[in-house]
Amino acid sequence: MRKGRCGRGGAREAEEEAFEHMLLVVCEVSVYKISPHTTSGDYKCGEWLQSDKIWSGRLRMVSCGDHCEIQLEDPATGELFAACFVLPG
């Protein structure tokens, strides 16, 4: 667990939700620019070009209270590249 940027609501809720719980760490992930589809077929990662890679780093999935978030961050500095909430269900 680590102190996070969670903690919404009242004082007791903030105290209980103040820590992030690490659910998953993937040490090396890549983000690619995906071109718009010109056919009705699915996207295939084998078709993505190495030159279209826009970022690589670490993926962390953390929970904080009843919230879950995926974070992409620089493995050396911890600087956040992108984050998104995971919706229930």
PDB file of N, CA and C in Angstrom:
ATOM      1  N   MET A   1       0.851  -1.186   0.000  1.00  0.00           N
ATOM      2  CA  MET A   1       0.000   0.000   0.000  1.00  0.00           C
ATOM      3  C   MET A   1       0.886   1.235   0.000  1.00  0.00           C
ATOM      4  N   ARG A   2       0.368   2.269  -0.583  1.00  0.00           N
ATOM      5  CA  ARG A   2       1.069   3.540  -0.530  1.00  0.00           C
ATOM      6  C   ARG A   2       0.051   4.650  -0.417  1.00  0.00           C
ATOM      7  N   LYS A   3       0.489   5.750   0.139  1.00  0.00           N
ATOM      8  CA  LYS A   3      -0.373   6.911   0.269  1.00  0.00           C
ATOM      9  C   LYS A   3      -0.688   7.396  -1.129  1.00  0.00           C
ATOM     10  N   GLY A   4      -1.966   7.571  -1.429  1.00  0.00           N
ATOM     11  CA  GLY A   4      -2.359   7.940  -2.777  1.00  0.00           C
ATOM     12  C   GLY A   4      -3.079   9.263  -2.833  1.00  0.00           C
ATOM     13  N   ARG A   5      -3.654   9.520  -3.977  1.00  0.00           N
ATOM     14  CA  ARG A   5      -4.405  10.760  -4.169  1.00  0.00           C
ATOM     15  C   ARG A   5      -5.884  10.496  -4.045  1.00  0.00           C
ATOM     16  N   CYS A   6      -6.225   9.410  -3.371  1.00  0.00           N
ATOM     17  CA  CYS A   6      -7.622   9.065  -3.141  1.00  0.00           C
ATOM     18  C   CYS A   6      -8.129   9.841  -1.934  1.00  0.00           C
ATOM     19  N   GLY A   7      -9.319   9.466  -1.512  1.00  0.00           N
ATOM     20  CA  GLY A   7      -9.849  10.110  -0.322  1.00  0.00           C
ATOM     21  C   GLY A   7     -10.899  11.127  -0.667  1.00  0.00           C
ATOM     22  N   ARG A   8     -12.064  10.643  -1.035  1.00  0.00           N
ATOM     23  CA  ARG A   8     -13.184  11.521  -1.345  1.00  0.00           C
ATOM     24  C   ARG A   8     -14.204  11.362  -0.238  1.00  0.00           C
ATOM     25  N   GLY A   9     -14.979  12.356   0.011  1.00  0.00           N
ATOM     26  CA  GLY A   9     -16.028  12.239   1.012  1.00  0.00           C
ATOM     27  C   GLY A   9     -15.616  12.839   2.334  1.00  0.00           C
ATOM     28  N   GLY A  10     -16.218  12.320   3.429  1.00  0.00           N
ATOM     29  CA  GLY A  10     -16.001  12.855   4.766  1.00  0.00           C
ATOM     30  C   GLY A  10     -14.657  12.460   5.346  1.00  0.00           C
ATOM     31  N   ALA A  11     -14.403  12.904   6.597  1.00  0.00           N
ATOM     32  CA  ALA A  11     -13.116  12.680   7.238  1.00  0.00           C
ATOM     33  C   ALA A  11     -12.829  11.193   7.432  1.00  0.00           C
ATOM     34  N   ARG A  12     -13.827  10.439   7.908  1.00  0.00           N
ATOM     35  CA  ARG A  12     -13.609   9.004   8.118  1.00  0.00           C
ATOM     36  C   ARG A  12     -13.380   8.291   6.786  1.00  0.00           C
ATOM     37  N   GLU A  13     -14.180   8.621   5.778  1.00  0.00           N
ATOM     38  CA  GLU A  13     -13.998   8.012   4.459  1.00  0.00           C
ATOM     39  C   GLU A  13     -12.630   8.367   3.896  1.00  0.00           C
ATOM     40  N   ALA A  14     -12.217   9.598   4.076  1.00  0.00           N
ATOM     41  CA  ALA A  14     -10.915  10.027   3.572  1.00  0.00           C
ATOM     42  C   ALA A  14      -9.802   9.241   4.253  1.00  0.00           C
ATOM     43  N   GLU A  15      -9.949   8.991   5.553  1.00  0.00           N
ATOM     44  CA  GLU A  15      -8.939   8.238   6.283  1.00  0.00           C
ATOM     45  C   GLU A  15      -8.874   6.794   5.786  1.00  0.00           C
ATOM     46  N   GLU A  16     -10.035   6.177   5.569  1.00  0.00           N
ATOM     47  CA  GLU A  16     -10.083   4.793   5.117  1.00  0.00           C
ATOM     48  C   GLU A  16      -9.618   4.652   3.674  1.00  0.00           C
ATOM     49  N   GLU A  17      -9.862   5.651   2.837  1.00  0.00           N
ATOM     50  CA  GLU A  17      -9.546   5.569   1.418  1.00  0.00           C
ATOM     51  C   GLU A  17      -8.232   6.248   1.061  1.00  0.00           C
ATOM     52  N   ALA A  18      -7.452   6.652   2.046  1.00  0.00           N
ATOM     53  CA  ALA A  18      -6.248   7.421   1.775  1.00  0.00           C
ATOM     54  C   ALA A  18      -5.119   6.574   1.201  1.00  0.00           C
ATOM     55  N   PHE A  19      -5.259   5.259   1.190  1.00  0.00           N
ATOM     56  CA  PHE A  19      -4.199   4.393   0.708  1.00  0.00           C
ATOM     57  C   PHE A  19      -4.613   3.682  -0.567  1.00  0.00           C
ATOM     58  N   GLU A  20      -3.669   3.597  -1.492  1.00  0.00           N
ATOM     59  CA  GLU A  20      -3.873   2.830  -2.715  1.00  0.00           C
ATOM     60  C   GLU A  20      -3.478   1.384  -2.443  1.00  0.00           C
ATOM     61  N   HIS A  21      -4.257   0.462  -2.945  1.00  0.00           N
ATOM     62  CA  HIS A  21      -3.931  -0.956  -2.862  1.00  0.00           C
ATOM     63  C   HIS A  21      -3.504  -1.395  -4.257  1.00  0.00           C
ATOM     64  N   MET A  22      -2.278  -1.893  -4.365  1.00  0.00           N
ATOM     65  CA  MET A  22      -1.747  -2.331  -5.647  1.00  0.00           C
ATOM     66  C   MET A  22      -2.390  -3.660  -6.028  1.00  0.00           C
ATOM     67  N   LEU A  23      -3.062  -3.697  -7.175  1.00  0.00           N
ATOM     68  CA  LEU A  23      -3.706  -4.917  -7.642  1.00  0.00           C
ATOM     69  C   LEU A  23      -2.877  -5.628  -8.705  1.00  0.00           C
ATOM     70  N   LEU A  24      -2.170  -4.845  -9.525  1.00  0.00           N
ATOM     71  CA  LEU A  24      -1.416  -5.421 -10.641  1.00  0.00           C
ATOM     72  C   LEU A  24      -0.328  -4.452 -11.063  1.00  0.00           C
ATOM     73  N   VAL A  25       0.832  -4.988 -11.409  1.00  0.00           N
ATOM     74  CA  VAL A  25       1.912  -4.196 -12.007  1.00  0.00           C
ATOM     75  C   VAL A  25       2.414  -4.948 -13.231  1.00  0.00           C
ATOM     76  N   VAL A  26       2.449  -4.269 -14.368  1.00  0.00           N
ATOM     77  CA  VAL A  26       3.057  -4.805 -15.586  1.00  0.00           C
ATOM     78  C   VAL A  26       4.245  -3.897 -15.872  1.00  0.00           C
ATOM     79  N   CYS A  27       5.439  -4.456 -15.799  1.00  0.00           N
ATOM     80  CA  CYS A  27       6.655  -3.640 -15.860  1.00  0.00           C
ATOM     81  C   CYS A  27       6.877  -2.955 -17.198  1.00  0.00           C
ATOM     82  N   GLU A  28       6.451  -3.582 -18.289  1.00  0.00           N
ATOM     83  CA  GLU A  28       6.711  -2.983 -19.598  1.00  0.00           C
ATOM     84  C   GLU A  28       5.483  -3.096 -20.497  1.00  0.00           C
ATOM     85  N   VAL A  29       4.885  -1.956 -20.801  1.00  0.00           N
ATOM     86  CA  VAL A  29       3.757  -1.883 -21.729  1.00  0.00           C
ATOM     87  C   VAL A  29       4.050  -0.795 -22.757  1.00  0.00           C
ATOM     88  N   SER A  30       3.356  -0.856 -23.879  1.00  0.00           N
ATOM     89  CA  SER A  30       3.536   0.138 -24.940  1.00  0.00           C
ATOM     90  C   SER A  30       2.189   0.705 -25.347  1.00  0.00           C
ATOM     91  N   VAL A  31       2.196   1.965 -25.766  1.00  0.00           N
ATOM     92  CA  VAL A  31       1.002   2.642 -26.270  1.00  0.00           C
ATOM     93  C   VAL A  31       1.291   3.016 -27.720  1.00  0.00           C
ATOM     94  N   TYR A  32       0.361   2.662 -28.600  1.00  0.00           N
ATOM     95  CA  TYR A  32       0.526   2.908 -30.029  1.00  0.00           C
ATOM     96  C   TYR A  32      -0.552   3.844 -30.548  1.00  0.00           C
ATOM     97  N   LYS A  33      -0.199   4.598 -31.580  1.00  0.00           N
ATOM     98  CA  LYS A  33      -1.176   5.380 -32.330  1.00  0.00           C
ATOM     99  C   LYS A  33      -1.856   4.405 -33.279  1.00  0.00           C
ATOM    100  N   ILE A  34      -3.158   4.264 -33.157  1.00  0.00           N
ATOM    101  CA  ILE A  34      -3.913   3.330 -33.985  1.00  0.00           C
ATOM    102  C   ILE A  34      -4.650   4.130 -35.051  1.00  0.00           C
ATOM    103  N   SER A  35      -4.386   3.806 -36.299  1.00  0.00           N
ATOM    104  CA  SER A  35      -5.041   4.500 -37.414  1.00  0.00           C
ATOM    105  C   SER A  35      -6.506   4.100 -37.496  1.00  0.00           C
ATOM    106  N   PRO A  36      -7.348   4.985 -38.023  1.00  0.00           N
ATOM    107  CA  PRO A  36      -8.762   4.631 -38.202  1.00  0.00           C
ATOM    108  C   PRO A  36      -8.894   3.419 -39.115  1.00  0.00           C
ATOM    109  N   HIS A  37      -9.878   2.607 -38.828  1.00  0.00           N
ATOM    110  CA  HIS A  37     -10.105   1.387 -39.610  1.00  0.00           C
ATOM    111  C   HIS A  37     -10.739   1.724 -40.954  1.00  0.00           C
ATOM    112  N   THR A  38     -10.247   1.105 -42.010  1.00  0.00           N
ATOM    113  CA  THR A  38     -10.825   1.316 -43.341  1.00  0.00           C
ATOM    114  C   THR A  38     -11.696   0.138 -43.759  1.00  0.00           C
ATOM    115  N   THR A  39     -11.662  -0.939 -42.963  1.00  0.00           N
ATOM    116  CA  THR A  39     -12.499  -2.111 -43.237  1.00  0.00           C
ATOM    117  C   THR A  39     -13.328  -2.420 -42.001  1.00  0.00           C
ATOM    118  N   SER A  40     -14.202  -3.407 -42.116  1.00  0.00           N
ATOM    119  CA  SER A  40     -15.045  -3.766 -40.977  1.00  0.00           C
ATOM    120  C   SER A  40     -14.384  -4.800 -40.076  1.00  0.00           C
ATOM    121  N   GLY A  41     -13.142  -5.184 -40.351  1.00  0.00           N
ATOM    122  CA  GLY A  41     -12.445  -6.189 -39.554  1.00  0.00           C
ATOM    123  C   GLY A  41     -11.964  -5.642 -38.221  1.00  0.00           C
ATOM    124  N   ASP A  42     -11.466  -6.547 -37.382  1.00  0.00           N
ATOM    125  CA  ASP A  42     -10.946  -6.171 -36.071  1.00  0.00           C
ATOM    126  C   ASP A  42      -9.533  -5.608 -36.188  1.00  0.00           C
ATOM    127  N   TYR A  43      -9.110  -4.896 -35.125  1.00  0.00           N
ATOM    128  CA  TYR A  43      -7.730  -4.448 -35.032  1.00  0.00           C
ATOM    129  C   TYR A  43      -6.861  -5.642 -34.649  1.00  0.00           C
ATOM    130  N   LYS A  44      -5.662  -5.711 -35.203  1.00  0.00           N
ATOM    131  CA  LYS A  44      -4.720  -6.779 -34.882  1.00  0.00           C
ATOM    132  C   LYS A  44      -3.389  -6.137 -34.521  1.00  0.00           C
ATOM    133  N   CYS A  45      -2.874  -6.476 -33.330  1.00  0.00           N
ATOM    134  CA  CYS A  45      -1.637  -5.834 -32.882  1.00  0.00           C
ATOM    135  C   CYS A  45      -0.466  -6.159 -33.804  1.00  0.00           C
ATOM    136  N   GLY A  46      -0.525  -7.266 -34.530  1.00  0.00           N
ATOM    137  CA  GLY A  46       0.531  -7.600 -35.478  1.00  0.00           C
ATOM    138  C   GLY A  46       0.630  -6.614 -36.629  1.00  0.00           C
ATOM    139  N   GLU A  47      -0.427  -5.831 -36.835  1.00  0.00           N
ATOM    140  CA  GLU A  47      -0.443  -4.841 -37.913  1.00  0.00           C
ATOM    141  C   GLU A  47       0.082  -3.475 -37.461  1.00  0.00           C
ATOM    142  N   TRP A  48       0.296  -3.301 -36.166  1.00  0.00           N
ATOM    143  CA  TRP A  48       0.758  -2.015 -35.660  1.00  0.00           C
ATOM    144  C   TRP A  48       2.238  -1.860 -35.970  1.00  0.00           C
ATOM    145  N   LEU A  49       2.621  -0.663 -36.351  1.00  0.00           N
ATOM    146  CA  LEU A  49       4.008  -0.388 -36.706  1.00  0.00           C
ATOM    147  C   LEU A  49       4.789   0.079 -35.484  1.00  0.00           C
ATOM    148  N   GLN A  50       6.035  -0.382 -35.381  1.00  0.00           N
ATOM    149  CA  GLN A  50       6.901   0.051 -34.283  1.00  0.00           C
ATOM    150  C   GLN A  50       7.071   1.573 -34.312  1.00  0.00           C
ATOM    151  N   SER A  51       7.038   2.155 -35.505  1.00  0.00           N
ATOM    152  CA  SER A  51       7.193   3.607 -35.637  1.00  0.00           C
ATOM    153  C   SER A  51       5.983   4.362 -35.087  1.00  0.00           C
ATOM    154  N   ASP A  52       4.860   3.673 -34.882  1.00  0.00           N
ATOM    155  CA  ASP A  52       3.661   4.311 -34.331  1.00  0.00           C
ATOM    156  C   ASP A  52       3.600   4.242 -32.808  1.00  0.00           C
ATOM    157  N   LYS A  53       4.642   3.684 -32.170  1.00  0.00           N
ATOM    158  CA  LYS A  53       4.666   3.637 -30.706  1.00  0.00           C
ATOM    159  C   LYS A  53       4.846   5.058 -30.181  1.00  0.00           C
ATOM    160  N   ILE A  54       3.968   5.486 -29.274  1.00  0.00           N
ATOM    161  CA  ILE A  54       4.065   6.851 -28.739  1.00  0.00           C
ATOM    162  C   ILE A  54       4.569   6.881 -27.302  1.00  0.00           C
ATOM    163  N   TRP A  55       4.572   5.719 -26.635  1.00  0.00           N
ATOM    164  CA  TRP A  55       5.013   5.704 -25.241  1.00  0.00           C
ATOM    165  C   TRP A  55       5.256   4.270 -24.803  1.00  0.00           C
ATOM    166  N   SER A  56       6.198   4.071 -23.882  1.00  0.00           N
ATOM    167  CA  SER A  56       6.361   2.777 -23.217  1.00  0.00           C
ATOM    168  C   SER A  56       6.746   3.035 -21.770  1.00  0.00           C
ATOM    169  N   GLY A  57       6.305   2.174 -20.902  1.00  0.00           N
ATOM    170  CA  GLY A  57       6.571   2.340 -19.481  1.00  0.00           C
ATOM    171  C   GLY A  57       5.867   1.273 -18.670  1.00  0.00           C
ATOM    172  N   ARG A  58       5.455   1.628 -17.454  1.00  0.00           N
ATOM    173  CA  ARG A  58       4.866   0.687 -16.498  1.00  0.00           C
ATOM    174  C   ARG A  58       3.367   0.924 -16.366  1.00  0.00           C
ATOM    175  N   LEU A  59       2.625  -0.163 -16.219  1.00  0.00           N
ATOM    176  CA  LEU A  59       1.186  -0.103 -15.956  1.00  0.00           C
ATOM    177  C   LEU A  59       0.953  -0.546 -14.523  1.00  0.00           C
ATOM    178  N   ARG A  60       0.169   0.230 -13.794  1.00  0.00           N
ATOM    179  CA  ARG A  60      -0.240  -0.139 -12.436  1.00  0.00           C
ATOM    180  C   ARG A  60      -1.755  -0.084 -12.366  1.00  0.00           C
ATOM    181  N   MET A  61      -2.360  -1.096 -11.760  1.00  0.00           N
ATOM    182  CA  MET A  61      -3.790  -1.063 -11.473  1.00  0.00           C
ATOM    183  C   MET A  61      -3.916  -0.962  -9.959  1.00  0.00           C
ATOM    184  N   VAL A  62      -4.577   0.091  -9.513  1.00  0.00           N
ATOM    185  CA  VAL A  62      -4.701   0.333  -8.080  1.00  0.00           C
ATOM    186  C   VAL A  62      -6.167   0.515  -7.708  1.00  0.00           C
ATOM    187  N   SER A  63      -6.473   0.144  -6.475  1.00  0.00           N
ATOM    188  CA  SER A  63      -7.811   0.414  -5.958  1.00  0.00           C
ATOM    189  C   SER A  63      -7.667   1.326  -4.760  1.00  0.00           C
ATOM    190  N   CYS A  64      -8.686   2.101  -4.560  1.00  0.00           N
ATOM    191  CA  CYS A  64      -8.721   3.030  -3.438  1.00  0.00           C
ATOM    192  C   CYS A  64     -10.175   3.104  -3.009  1.00  0.00           C
ATOM    193  N   GLY A  65     -10.496   2.462  -1.897  1.00  0.00           N
ATOM    194  CA  GLY A  65     -11.898   2.363  -1.514  1.00  0.00           C
ATOM    195  C   GLY A  65     -12.632   1.544  -2.552  1.00  0.00           C
ATOM    196  N   ASP A  66     -13.708   2.086  -3.096  1.00  0.00           N
ATOM    197  CA  ASP A  66     -14.452   1.360  -4.125  1.00  0.00           C
ATOM    198  C   ASP A  66     -14.106   1.837  -5.535  1.00  0.00           C
ATOM    199  N   HIS A  67     -13.019   2.581  -5.682  1.00  0.00           N
ATOM    200  CA  HIS A  67     -12.566   3.062  -6.986  1.00  0.00           C
ATOM    201  C   HIS A  67     -11.387   2.218  -7.464  1.00  0.00           C
ATOM    202  N   CYS A  68     -11.319   1.996  -8.766  1.00  0.00           N
ATOM    203  CA  CYS A  68     -10.201   1.265  -9.364  1.00  0.00           C
ATOM    204  C   CYS A  68      -9.695   2.093 -10.541  1.00  0.00           C
ATOM    205  N   GLU A  69      -8.379   2.153 -10.693  1.00  0.00           N
ATOM    206  CA  GLU A  69      -7.789   2.996 -11.727  1.00  0.00           C
ATOM    207  C   GLU A  69      -6.602   2.289 -12.367  1.00  0.00           C
ATOM    208  N   ILE A  70      -6.463   2.451 -13.679  1.00  0.00           N
ATOM    209  CA  ILE A  70      -5.279   1.998 -14.406  1.00  0.00           C
ATOM    210  C   ILE A  70      -4.395   3.217 -14.619  1.00  0.00           C
ATOM    211  N   GLN A  71      -3.122   3.089 -14.265  1.00  0.00           N
ATOM    212  CA  GLN A  71      -2.180   4.197 -14.388  1.00  0.00           C
ATOM    213  C   GLN A  71      -1.008   3.762 -15.255  1.00  0.00           C
ATOM    214  N   LEU A  72      -0.641   4.594 -16.209  1.00  0.00           N
ATOM    215  CA  LEU A  72       0.549   4.382 -17.027  1.00  0.00           C
ATOM    216  C   LEU A  72       1.585   5.389 -16.564  1.00  0.00           C
ATOM    217  N   GLU A  73       2.749   4.910 -16.155  1.00  0.00           N
ATOM    218  CA  GLU A  73       3.740   5.819 -15.587  1.00  0.00           C
ATOM    219  C   GLU A  73       5.151   5.443 -16.005  1.00  0.00           C
ATOM    220  N   ASP A  74       6.021   6.440 -15.951  1.00  0.00           N
ATOM    221  CA  ASP A  74       7.428   6.241 -16.251  1.00  0.00           C
ATOM    222  C   ASP A  74       8.036   5.385 -15.139  1.00  0.00           C
ATOM    223  N   PRO A  75       8.708   4.273 -15.478  1.00  0.00           N
ATOM    224  CA  PRO A  75       9.231   3.402 -14.429  1.00  0.00           C
ATOM    225  C   PRO A  75      10.386   4.011 -13.637  1.00  0.00           C
ATOM    226  N   ALA A  76      11.110   4.945 -14.221  1.00  0.00           N
ATOM    227  CA  ALA A  76      12.246   5.547 -13.528  1.00  0.00           C
ATOM    228  C   ALA A  76      11.824   6.673 -12.596  1.00  0.00           C
ATOM    229  N   THR A  77      10.887   7.511 -13.044  1.00  0.00           N
ATOM    230  CA  THR A  77      10.522   8.697 -12.266  1.00  0.00           C
ATOM    231  C   THR A  77       9.163   8.588 -11.586  1.00  0.00           C
ATOM    232  N   GLY A  78       8.316   7.666 -12.050  1.00  0.00           N
ATOM    233  CA  GLY A  78       6.957   7.570 -11.517  1.00  0.00           C
ATOM    234  C   GLY A  78       6.022   8.614 -12.093  1.00  0.00           C
ATOM    235  N   GLU A  79       6.508   9.414 -13.055  1.00  0.00           N
ATOM    236  CA  GLU A  79       5.673  10.447 -13.666  1.00  0.00           C
ATOM    237  C   GLU A  79       4.503   9.803 -14.409  1.00  0.00           C
ATOM    238  N   LEU A  80       3.310  10.330 -14.175  1.00  0.00           N
ATOM    239  CA  LEU A  80       2.094   9.784 -14.759  1.00  0.00           C
ATOM    240  C   LEU A  80       1.960  10.208 -16.217  1.00  0.00           C
ATOM    241  N   PHE A  81       1.792   9.235 -17.117  1.00  0.00           N
ATOM    242  CA  PHE A  81       1.548   9.506 -18.536  1.00  0.00           C
ATOM    243  C   PHE A  81       0.048   9.596 -18.791  1.00  0.00           C
ATOM    244  N   ALA A  82      -0.706   8.648 -18.261  1.00  0.00           N
ATOM    245  CA  ALA A  82      -2.160   8.622 -18.453  1.00  0.00           C
ATOM    246  C   ALA A  82      -2.780   7.773 -17.357  1.00  0.00           C
ATOM    247  N   ALA A  83      -4.059   8.022 -17.095  1.00  0.00           N
ATOM    248  CA  ALA A  83      -4.800   7.235 -16.109  1.00  0.00           C
ATOM    249  C   ALA A  83      -6.258   7.185 -16.530  1.00  0.00           C
ATOM    250  N   CYS A  84      -6.913   6.091 -16.174  1.00  0.00           N
ATOM    251  CA  CYS A  84      -8.346   5.990 -16.434  1.00  0.00           C
ATOM    252  C   CYS A  84      -8.991   5.135 -15.354  1.00  0.00           C
ATOM    253  N   PHE A  85     -10.225   5.477 -15.016  1.00  0.00           N
ATOM    254  CA  PHE A  85     -10.980   4.707 -14.043  1.00  0.00           C
ATOM    255  C   PHE A  85     -11.519   3.451 -14.696  1.00  0.00           C
ATOM    256  N   VAL A  86     -11.631   2.390 -13.916  1.00  0.00           N
ATOM    257  CA  VAL A  86     -12.265   1.154 -14.360  1.00  0.00           C
ATOM    258  C   VAL A  86     -13.661   1.158 -13.757  1.00  0.00           C
ATOM    259  N   LEU A  87     -14.667   1.141 -14.616  1.00  0.00           N
ATOM    260  CA  LEU A  87     -16.041   1.188 -14.141  1.00  0.00           C
ATOM    261  C   LEU A  87     -16.484  -0.184 -13.662  1.00  0.00           C
ATOM    262  N   PRO A  88     -17.313  -0.247 -12.625  1.00  0.00           N
ATOM    263  CA  PRO A  88     -17.796  -1.539 -12.121  1.00  0.00           C
ATOM    264  C   PRO A  88     -18.580  -2.291 -13.189  1.00  0.00           C
ATOM    265  N   GLY A  89     -18.465  -3.616 -13.151  1.00  0.00           N
ATOM    266  CA  GLY A  89     -19.247  -4.470 -14.043  1.00  0.00           C
ATOM    267  C   GLY A  89     -18.528  -4.748 -15.276  1.00  0.00           C
TER     268      GLY A  89
END
